[in-house]
Amino acid sequence: MKHVNFLIIFAFCCSQNVFANSDIVNKKNTIYQVKLAECVALEKSKSPLTNKDVQGLSLHVLSKGLFYLKEKRLADCSMKQELDALAEYIALSTTSEQLTKAKLSNQFLSVWLVDLIKNYNELTNKEKHTLNMKIKNKSLEINFLELFDAVEKNVVE
């Protein structure tokens, strides 16, 4: 009976630790999500990017660059909070839980950027520089499909 009581107490203590760890991860993740929302709001407060701003750039350059640069701005803005949340998530993951890039990409913007940067790096340094200069101080929290359509119509007309 003594062993049964010990096992019950041990299991209770371990479960309390798991719940406490879960709370830490949830708190760090919540802080990260709040910061990310603040970063989006900051981005939206800028003047929106228009087709006139990117005049002279091809759809190829825009499609390869804008998706990456939009997410990179948010990742840079929330970097500290994301790193804290990611570190806690990894540290408190169970050994049976398999951490995959796909799983982490769904929760952490910087991990997802690893795939986006491949497309961005297909641009030349000149294209990257020109794009960065044209979008400086402009909000990228816009509908890219509408922007691409407007750029395409200007090219055709």
N, C-alpha and C. Protein backbone atom coordinates (compact mmCIF):
# COMPACT_ATOMS: atom_id res chain seq x y z
N MET A 1 0.83 -1.20 0.00
CA MET A 1 0.00 0.00 0.00
C MET A 1 0.87 1.26 0.00
N LYS A 2 2.02 1.16 0.68
CA LYS A 2 2.93 2.29 0.75
C LYS A 2 3.40 2.68 -0.65
N HIS A 3 3.66 1.68 -1.49
CA HIS A 3 4.12 1.94 -2.86
C HIS A 3 3.03 2.58 -3.70
N VAL A 4 1.81 2.15 -3.50
CA VAL A 4 0.68 2.71 -4.24
C VAL A 4 0.53 4.19 -3.90
N ASN A 5 0.60 4.52 -2.61
CA ASN A 5 0.49 5.92 -2.19
C ASN A 5 1.62 6.75 -2.79
N PHE A 6 2.83 6.19 -2.79
CA PHE A 6 3.97 6.90 -3.36
C PHE A 6 3.74 7.16 -4.85
N LEU A 7 3.26 6.16 -5.58
CA LEU A 7 3.01 6.32 -7.01
C LEU A 7 1.93 7.37 -7.28
N ILE A 8 0.91 7.37 -6.47
CA ILE A 8 -0.17 8.37 -6.63
C ILE A 8 0.38 9.78 -6.40
N ILE A 9 1.14 9.95 -5.35
CA ILE A 9 1.73 11.26 -5.04
C ILE A 9 2.70 11.68 -6.14
N PHE A 10 3.54 10.73 -6.59
CA PHE A 10 4.51 11.00 -7.65
C PHE A 10 3.79 11.41 -8.94
N ALA A 11 2.74 10.69 -9.31
CA ALA A 11 2.00 11.00 -10.52
C ALA A 11 1.34 12.38 -10.41
N PHE A 12 0.81 12.69 -9.23
CA PHE A 12 0.17 13.98 -9.03
C PHE A 12 1.20 15.11 -9.18
N CYS A 13 2.36 14.95 -8.60
CA CYS A 13 3.41 15.98 -8.69
C CYS A 13 3.87 16.17 -10.13
N CYS A 14 4.05 15.07 -10.83
CA CYS A 14 4.47 15.15 -12.23
C CYS A 14 3.41 15.83 -13.09
N SER A 15 2.15 15.50 -12.85
CA SER A 15 1.09 16.11 -13.65
C SER A 15 1.00 17.60 -13.36
N GLN A 16 1.24 18.01 -12.12
CA GLN A 16 1.23 19.43 -11.79
C GLN A 16 2.36 20.15 -12.53
N ASN A 17 3.51 19.50 -12.63
CA ASN A 17 4.65 20.08 -13.34
C ASN A 17 4.33 20.22 -14.83
N VAL A 18 3.69 19.22 -15.42
CA VAL A 18 3.31 19.27 -16.83
C VAL A 18 2.33 20.42 -17.05
N PHE A 19 1.34 20.56 -16.18
CA PHE A 19 0.38 21.65 -16.32
C PHE A 19 1.07 23.00 -16.16
N ALA A 20 2.00 23.10 -15.23
CA ALA A 20 2.73 24.35 -15.03
C ALA A 20 3.55 24.68 -16.27
N ASN A 21 4.22 23.66 -16.83
CA ASN A 21 5.00 23.87 -18.06
C ASN A 21 4.11 24.28 -19.20
N SER A 22 2.93 23.68 -19.29
CA SER A 22 1.97 24.02 -20.34
C SER A 22 1.54 25.48 -20.20
N ASP A 23 1.34 25.92 -18.96
CA ASP A 23 0.97 27.31 -18.72
C ASP A 23 2.07 28.26 -19.16
N ILE A 24 3.33 27.88 -18.92
CA ILE A 24 4.47 28.71 -19.34
C ILE A 24 4.47 28.85 -20.86
N VAL A 25 4.33 27.73 -21.56
CA VAL A 25 4.31 27.76 -23.02
C VAL A 25 3.15 28.61 -23.51
N ASN A 26 1.97 28.42 -22.93
CA ASN A 26 0.80 29.20 -23.33
C ASN A 26 1.01 30.69 -23.09
N LYS A 27 1.63 31.04 -21.96
CA LYS A 27 1.87 32.45 -21.65
C LYS A 27 2.85 33.05 -22.65
N LYS A 28 3.95 32.35 -22.92
CA LYS A 28 4.95 32.85 -23.88
C LYS A 28 4.34 32.96 -25.27
N ASN A 29 3.53 31.98 -25.65
CA ASN A 29 2.90 31.99 -26.96
C ASN A 29 1.89 33.15 -27.05
N THR A 30 1.17 33.39 -25.97
CA THR A 30 0.21 34.51 -25.95
C THR A 30 0.94 35.84 -26.08
N ILE A 31 2.04 35.99 -25.37
CA ILE A 31 2.85 37.22 -25.46
C ILE A 31 3.32 37.40 -26.90
N TYR A 32 3.76 36.31 -27.54
CA TYR A 32 4.20 36.37 -28.94
C TYR A 32 3.04 36.76 -29.86
N GLN A 33 1.87 36.18 -29.67
CA GLN A 33 0.72 36.49 -30.52
C GLN A 33 0.29 37.95 -30.34
N VAL A 34 0.34 38.45 -29.12
CA VAL A 34 -0.01 39.86 -28.86
C VAL A 34 0.99 40.78 -29.56
N LYS A 35 2.27 40.46 -29.45
CA LYS A 35 3.30 41.27 -30.10
C LYS A 35 3.12 41.23 -31.62
N LEU A 36 2.82 40.09 -32.15
CA LEU A 36 2.59 39.95 -33.59
C LEU A 36 1.42 40.83 -34.03
N ALA A 37 0.37 40.85 -33.25
CA ALA A 37 -0.79 41.71 -33.56
C ALA A 37 -0.39 43.18 -33.51
N GLU A 38 0.46 43.54 -32.56
CA GLU A 38 0.96 44.92 -32.48
C GLU A 38 1.78 45.27 -33.72
N CYS A 39 2.58 44.32 -34.17
CA CYS A 39 3.41 44.54 -35.36
C CYS A 39 2.54 44.73 -36.61
N VAL A 40 1.48 43.95 -36.72
CA VAL A 40 0.55 44.09 -37.84
C VAL A 40 -0.11 45.47 -37.79
N ALA A 41 -0.53 45.89 -36.60
CA ALA A 41 -1.16 47.20 -36.44
C ALA A 41 -0.18 48.32 -36.81
N LEU A 42 1.06 48.19 -36.41
CA LEU A 42 2.09 49.16 -36.77
C LEU A 42 2.27 49.22 -38.28
N GLU A 43 2.30 48.07 -38.90
CA GLU A 43 2.45 47.99 -40.36
C GLU A 43 1.26 48.64 -41.06
N LYS A 44 0.07 48.38 -40.54
CA LYS A 44 -1.14 48.95 -41.14
C LYS A 44 -1.23 50.47 -40.97
N SER A 45 -0.52 51.00 -39.99
CA SER A 45 -0.56 52.44 -39.77
C SER A 45 0.22 53.22 -40.83
N LYS A 46 1.04 52.52 -41.59
CA LYS A 46 1.80 53.16 -42.66
C LYS A 46 0.90 53.34 -43.88
N SER A 47 1.35 54.18 -44.78
CA SER A 47 0.64 54.38 -46.04
C SER A 47 0.72 53.08 -46.86
N PRO A 48 -0.42 52.60 -47.39
CA PRO A 48 -0.40 51.32 -48.11
C PRO A 48 0.39 51.39 -49.43
N LEU A 49 1.03 50.31 -49.73
CA LEU A 49 1.77 50.18 -50.98
C LEU A 49 0.78 50.15 -52.15
N THR A 50 1.06 50.90 -53.20
CA THR A 50 0.18 50.93 -54.37
C THR A 50 0.96 50.53 -55.61
N ASN A 51 0.22 50.35 -56.70
CA ASN A 51 0.89 49.99 -57.95
C ASN A 51 1.80 51.12 -58.45
N LYS A 52 1.49 52.36 -58.11
CA LYS A 52 2.35 53.49 -58.49
C LYS A 52 3.69 53.42 -57.78
N ASP A 53 3.67 52.93 -56.54
CA ASP A 53 4.91 52.81 -55.76
C ASP A 53 5.88 51.81 -56.38
N VAL A 54 5.34 50.79 -57.01
CA VAL A 54 6.20 49.72 -57.53
C VAL A 54 6.31 49.77 -59.06
N GLN A 55 5.97 50.93 -59.61
CA GLN A 55 6.05 51.11 -61.06
C GLN A 55 7.47 50.78 -61.55
N GLY A 56 7.52 50.04 -62.61
CA GLY A 56 8.81 49.66 -63.19
C GLY A 56 9.30 48.29 -62.73
N LEU A 57 8.65 47.72 -61.74
CA LEU A 57 9.03 46.38 -61.28
C LEU A 57 8.11 45.34 -61.92
N SER A 58 8.68 44.22 -62.27
CA SER A 58 7.91 43.15 -62.90
C SER A 58 7.10 42.38 -61.86
N LEU A 59 6.07 41.70 -62.34
CA LEU A 59 5.30 40.82 -61.45
C LEU A 59 6.18 39.74 -60.86
N HIS A 60 7.16 39.31 -61.63
CA HIS A 60 8.11 38.29 -61.16
C HIS A 60 8.82 38.79 -59.90
N VAL A 61 9.35 40.00 -59.94
CA VAL A 61 10.07 40.57 -58.80
C VAL A 61 9.11 40.77 -57.62
N LEU A 62 7.93 41.29 -57.92
CA LEU A 62 6.96 41.54 -56.85
C LEU A 62 6.52 40.25 -56.17
N SER A 63 6.22 39.24 -56.95
CA SER A 63 5.74 37.98 -56.35
C SER A 63 6.84 37.26 -55.57
N LYS A 64 8.05 37.35 -56.02
CA LYS A 64 9.16 36.70 -55.31
C LYS A 64 9.55 37.48 -54.05
N GLY A 65 9.39 38.80 -54.10
CA GLY A 65 9.89 39.63 -53.02
C GLY A 65 8.89 40.04 -51.97
N LEU A 66 7.69 40.43 -52.39
CA LEU A 66 6.75 41.01 -51.44
C LEU A 66 6.27 40.04 -50.36
N PHE A 67 5.99 38.81 -50.74
CA PHE A 67 5.52 37.84 -49.74
C PHE A 67 6.58 37.66 -48.64
N TYR A 68 7.82 37.52 -49.07
CA TYR A 68 8.90 37.34 -48.10
C TYR A 68 9.09 38.59 -47.24
N LEU A 69 9.16 39.75 -47.87
CA LEU A 69 9.44 40.98 -47.14
C LEU A 69 8.32 41.34 -46.16
N LYS A 70 7.09 41.05 -46.53
CA LYS A 70 5.97 41.29 -45.61
C LYS A 70 6.13 40.47 -44.33
N GLU A 71 6.39 39.19 -44.49
CA GLU A 71 6.53 38.31 -43.32
C GLU A 71 7.80 38.61 -42.54
N LYS A 72 8.86 38.99 -43.25
CA LYS A 72 10.13 39.30 -42.58
C LYS A 72 9.97 40.52 -41.68
N ARG A 73 9.24 41.52 -42.15
CA ARG A 73 9.01 42.71 -41.30
C ARG A 73 8.33 42.30 -39.99
N LEU A 74 7.32 41.46 -40.09
CA LEU A 74 6.61 41.02 -38.89
C LEU A 74 7.51 40.17 -38.00
N ALA A 75 8.30 39.31 -38.61
CA ALA A 75 9.21 38.47 -37.83
C ALA A 75 10.27 39.31 -37.12
N ASP A 76 10.80 40.31 -37.83
CA ASP A 76 11.80 41.19 -37.21
C ASP A 76 11.21 41.96 -36.04
N CYS A 77 9.98 42.43 -36.20
CA CYS A 77 9.30 43.21 -35.17
C CYS A 77 9.01 42.38 -33.92
N SER A 78 8.70 41.11 -34.09
CA SER A 78 8.31 40.25 -32.97
C SER A 78 9.39 39.23 -32.60
N MET A 79 10.61 39.48 -33.03
CA MET A 79 11.70 38.52 -32.90
C MET A 79 11.92 38.03 -31.47
N LYS A 80 12.02 38.95 -30.51
CA LYS A 80 12.33 38.55 -29.14
C LYS A 80 11.22 37.67 -28.55
N GLN A 81 9.98 38.07 -28.76
CA GLN A 81 8.86 37.30 -28.21
C GLN A 81 8.74 35.94 -28.90
N GLU A 82 9.01 35.90 -30.19
CA GLU A 82 8.96 34.63 -30.91
C GLU A 82 10.05 33.69 -30.41
N LEU A 83 11.24 34.22 -30.22
CA LEU A 83 12.34 33.38 -29.74
C LEU A 83 12.04 32.82 -28.36
N ASP A 84 11.49 33.65 -27.48
CA ASP A 84 11.10 33.17 -26.14
C ASP A 84 10.07 32.05 -26.24
N ALA A 85 9.04 32.26 -27.07
CA ALA A 85 7.97 31.26 -27.22
C ALA A 85 8.51 29.98 -27.84
N LEU A 86 9.35 30.11 -28.85
CA LEU A 86 9.92 28.94 -29.52
C LEU A 86 10.82 28.16 -28.58
N ALA A 87 11.65 28.86 -27.83
CA ALA A 87 12.55 28.19 -26.88
C ALA A 87 11.77 27.42 -25.82
N GLU A 88 10.74 28.04 -25.29
CA GLU A 88 9.89 27.35 -24.30
C GLU A 88 9.19 26.15 -24.92
N TYR A 89 8.69 26.33 -26.14
CA TYR A 89 7.99 25.25 -26.83
C TYR A 89 8.91 24.04 -27.02
N ILE A 90 10.12 24.29 -27.46
CA ILE A 90 11.08 23.21 -27.69
C ILE A 90 11.52 22.59 -26.36
N ALA A 91 11.85 23.42 -25.39
CA ALA A 91 12.33 22.92 -24.10
C ALA A 91 11.29 22.08 -23.38
N LEU A 92 10.03 22.42 -23.53
CA LEU A 92 8.99 21.73 -22.78
C LEU A 92 8.26 20.67 -23.60
N SER A 93 8.70 20.46 -24.83
CA SER A 93 8.09 19.41 -25.65
C SER A 93 8.47 18.05 -25.08
N THR A 94 7.54 17.14 -25.14
CA THR A 94 7.83 15.80 -24.62
C THR A 94 8.73 15.07 -25.61
N THR A 95 9.43 14.09 -25.11
CA THR A 95 10.33 13.34 -25.98
C THR A 95 9.56 12.54 -27.02
N SER A 96 8.31 12.20 -26.74
CA SER A 96 7.53 11.44 -27.71
C SER A 96 6.93 12.35 -28.79
N GLU A 97 6.88 13.64 -28.50
CA GLU A 97 6.33 14.58 -29.46
C GLU A 97 7.41 14.91 -30.49
N GLN A 98 7.10 14.64 -31.73
CA GLN A 98 8.08 14.88 -32.79
C GLN A 98 7.95 16.32 -33.28
N LEU A 99 9.03 17.06 -33.15
CA LEU A 99 9.06 18.43 -33.64
C LEU A 99 9.47 18.41 -35.11
N THR A 100 8.59 18.82 -35.95
CA THR A 100 8.89 18.87 -37.38
C THR A 100 8.89 20.32 -37.83
N LYS A 101 9.57 20.55 -38.93
CA LYS A 101 9.60 21.89 -39.50
C LYS A 101 8.19 22.34 -39.86
N ALA A 102 7.40 21.43 -40.38
CA ALA A 102 6.02 21.78 -40.77
C ALA A 102 5.22 22.21 -39.54
N LYS A 103 5.37 21.49 -38.44
CA LYS A 103 4.64 21.82 -37.22
C LYS A 103 5.09 23.18 -36.68
N LEU A 104 6.39 23.41 -36.67
CA LEU A 104 6.92 24.67 -36.17
C LEU A 104 6.58 25.83 -37.11
N SER A 105 6.53 25.57 -38.41
CA SER A 105 6.18 26.61 -39.39
C SER A 105 4.77 27.13 -39.19
N ASN A 106 3.89 26.27 -38.72
CA ASN A 106 2.52 26.69 -38.49
C ASN A 106 2.38 27.60 -37.28
N GLN A 107 3.36 27.57 -36.38
CA GLN A 107 3.26 28.35 -35.15
C GLN A 107 4.25 29.51 -35.07
N PHE A 108 5.34 29.42 -35.82
CA PHE A 108 6.40 30.41 -35.68
C PHE A 108 6.80 30.96 -37.05
N LEU A 109 6.66 32.26 -37.18
CA LEU A 109 6.87 32.94 -38.46
C LEU A 109 8.28 32.77 -38.99
N SER A 110 9.27 32.85 -38.14
CA SER A 110 10.66 32.75 -38.60
C SER A 110 10.97 31.40 -39.22
N VAL A 111 10.36 30.35 -38.72
CA VAL A 111 10.59 29.02 -39.28
C VAL A 111 9.99 28.96 -40.69
N TRP A 112 8.82 29.56 -40.85
CA TRP A 112 8.17 29.59 -42.16
C TRP A 112 8.97 30.42 -43.16
N LEU A 113 9.66 31.44 -42.69
CA LEU A 113 10.46 32.30 -43.58
C LEU A 113 11.58 31.54 -44.28
N VAL A 114 12.01 30.44 -43.70
CA VAL A 114 13.07 29.64 -44.31
C VAL A 114 12.67 29.22 -45.72
N ASP A 115 11.39 28.88 -45.91
CA ASP A 115 10.93 28.50 -47.25
C ASP A 115 10.76 29.72 -48.15
N LEU A 116 10.27 30.80 -47.60
CA LEU A 116 10.04 32.00 -48.41
C LEU A 116 11.33 32.63 -48.91
N ILE A 117 12.38 32.53 -48.14
CA ILE A 117 13.63 33.18 -48.53
C ILE A 117 14.23 32.55 -49.80
N LYS A 118 13.91 31.30 -50.05
CA LYS A 118 14.42 30.64 -51.25
C LYS A 118 13.93 31.38 -52.49
N ASN A 119 12.66 31.74 -52.53
CA ASN A 119 12.12 32.50 -53.67
C ASN A 119 12.74 33.88 -53.74
N TYR A 120 12.84 34.53 -52.61
CA TYR A 120 13.40 35.88 -52.56
C TYR A 120 14.84 35.88 -53.07
N ASN A 121 15.59 34.87 -52.72
CA ASN A 121 17.00 34.81 -53.13
C ASN A 121 17.18 34.51 -54.62
N GLU A 122 16.10 34.20 -55.32
CA GLU A 122 16.18 34.04 -56.77
C GLU A 122 16.28 35.40 -57.47
N LEU A 123 15.96 36.47 -56.75
CA LEU A 123 16.08 37.81 -57.31
C LEU A 123 17.54 38.24 -57.29
N THR A 124 17.90 39.12 -58.22
CA THR A 124 19.26 39.65 -58.23
C THR A 124 19.39 40.67 -57.10
N ASN A 125 20.61 40.99 -56.75
CA ASN A 125 20.83 42.00 -55.71
C ASN A 125 20.25 43.35 -56.13
N LYS A 126 20.34 43.67 -57.40
CA LYS A 126 19.78 44.93 -57.91
C LYS A 126 18.25 44.93 -57.76
N GLU A 127 17.61 43.82 -58.10
CA GLU A 127 16.16 43.72 -57.96
C GLU A 127 15.73 43.84 -56.50
N LYS A 128 16.48 43.18 -55.62
CA LYS A 128 16.18 43.26 -54.18
C LYS A 128 16.31 44.70 -53.69
N HIS A 129 17.38 45.35 -54.08
CA HIS A 129 17.63 46.73 -53.63
C HIS A 129 16.53 47.66 -54.14
N THR A 130 16.20 47.55 -55.41
CA THR A 130 15.17 48.40 -55.99
C THR A 130 13.83 48.17 -55.30
N LEU A 131 13.47 46.92 -55.10
CA LEU A 131 12.22 46.60 -54.42
C LEU A 131 12.20 47.17 -53.01
N ASN A 132 13.27 46.97 -52.27
CA ASN A 132 13.35 47.48 -50.90
C ASN A 132 13.23 49.00 -50.85
N MET A 133 13.82 49.69 -51.80
CA MET A 133 13.74 51.15 -51.83
C MET A 133 12.31 51.61 -52.14
N LYS A 134 11.63 50.90 -53.03
CA LYS A 134 10.27 51.29 -53.43
C LYS A 134 9.23 51.02 -52.34
N ILE A 135 9.49 50.05 -51.48
CA ILE A 135 8.49 49.71 -50.45
C ILE A 135 8.83 50.31 -49.09
N LYS A 136 9.94 51.00 -49.01
CA LYS A 136 10.36 51.59 -47.74
C LYS A 136 9.26 52.50 -47.20
N ASN A 137 8.95 52.33 -45.93
CA ASN A 137 7.92 53.11 -45.22
C ASN A 137 6.51 52.92 -45.78
N LYS A 138 6.27 51.86 -46.51
CA LYS A 138 4.95 51.54 -47.04
C LYS A 138 4.42 50.30 -46.34
N SER A 139 3.11 50.26 -46.15
CA SER A 139 2.49 49.11 -45.52
C SER A 139 2.39 47.95 -46.52
N LEU A 140 2.80 46.80 -46.07
CA LEU A 140 2.66 45.58 -46.89
C LEU A 140 1.46 44.75 -46.43
N GLU A 141 0.70 45.29 -45.50
CA GLU A 141 -0.54 44.63 -45.06
C GLU A 141 -1.65 45.04 -46.03
N ILE A 142 -1.52 44.54 -47.25
CA ILE A 142 -2.45 44.87 -48.33
C ILE A 142 -2.86 43.60 -49.04
N ASN A 143 -3.80 43.71 -49.95
CA ASN A 143 -4.20 42.58 -50.76
C ASN A 143 -3.26 42.50 -51.97
N PHE A 144 -2.35 41.55 -51.94
CA PHE A 144 -1.37 41.43 -53.01
C PHE A 144 -2.00 41.10 -54.36
N LEU A 145 -3.08 40.33 -54.35
CA LEU A 145 -3.72 39.99 -55.62
C LEU A 145 -4.24 41.25 -56.31
N GLU A 146 -4.84 42.15 -55.54
CA GLU A 146 -5.31 43.41 -56.12
C GLU A 146 -4.13 44.24 -56.64
N LEU A 147 -3.05 44.27 -55.89
CA LEU A 147 -1.86 45.00 -56.33
C LEU A 147 -1.32 44.40 -57.62
N PHE A 148 -1.20 43.08 -57.67
CA PHE A 148 -0.68 42.43 -58.87
C PHE A 148 -1.58 42.68 -60.08
N ASP A 149 -2.89 42.64 -59.87
CA ASP A 149 -3.83 42.94 -60.95
C ASP A 149 -3.65 44.37 -61.46
N ALA A 150 -3.50 45.32 -60.54
CA ALA A 150 -3.30 46.72 -60.92
C ALA A 150 -1.99 46.91 -61.68
N VAL A 151 -0.94 46.24 -61.23
CA VAL A 151 0.36 46.32 -61.91
C VAL A 151 0.24 45.71 -63.31
N GLU A 152 -0.42 44.60 -63.40
CA GLU A 152 -0.59 43.93 -64.68
C GLU A 152 -1.40 44.79 -65.65
N LYS A 153 -2.45 45.45 -65.19
CA LYS A 153 -3.27 46.32 -66.03
C LYS A 153 -2.46 47.51 -66.52
N ASN A 154 -1.61 48.05 -65.67
CA ASN A 154 -0.77 49.18 -66.09
C ASN A 154 0.24 48.75 -67.15
N VAL A 155 0.72 47.53 -67.06
CA VAL A 155 1.67 47.03 -68.04
C VAL A 155 0.98 46.83 -69.38
N VAL A 156 -0.23 46.32 -69.36
CA VAL A 156 -0.97 46.01 -70.58
C VAL A 156 -1.44 47.29 -71.28
N GLU A 157 -1.89 48.28 -70.50
CA GLU A 157 -2.46 49.49 -71.09
C GLU A 157 -1.47 50.33 -71.81
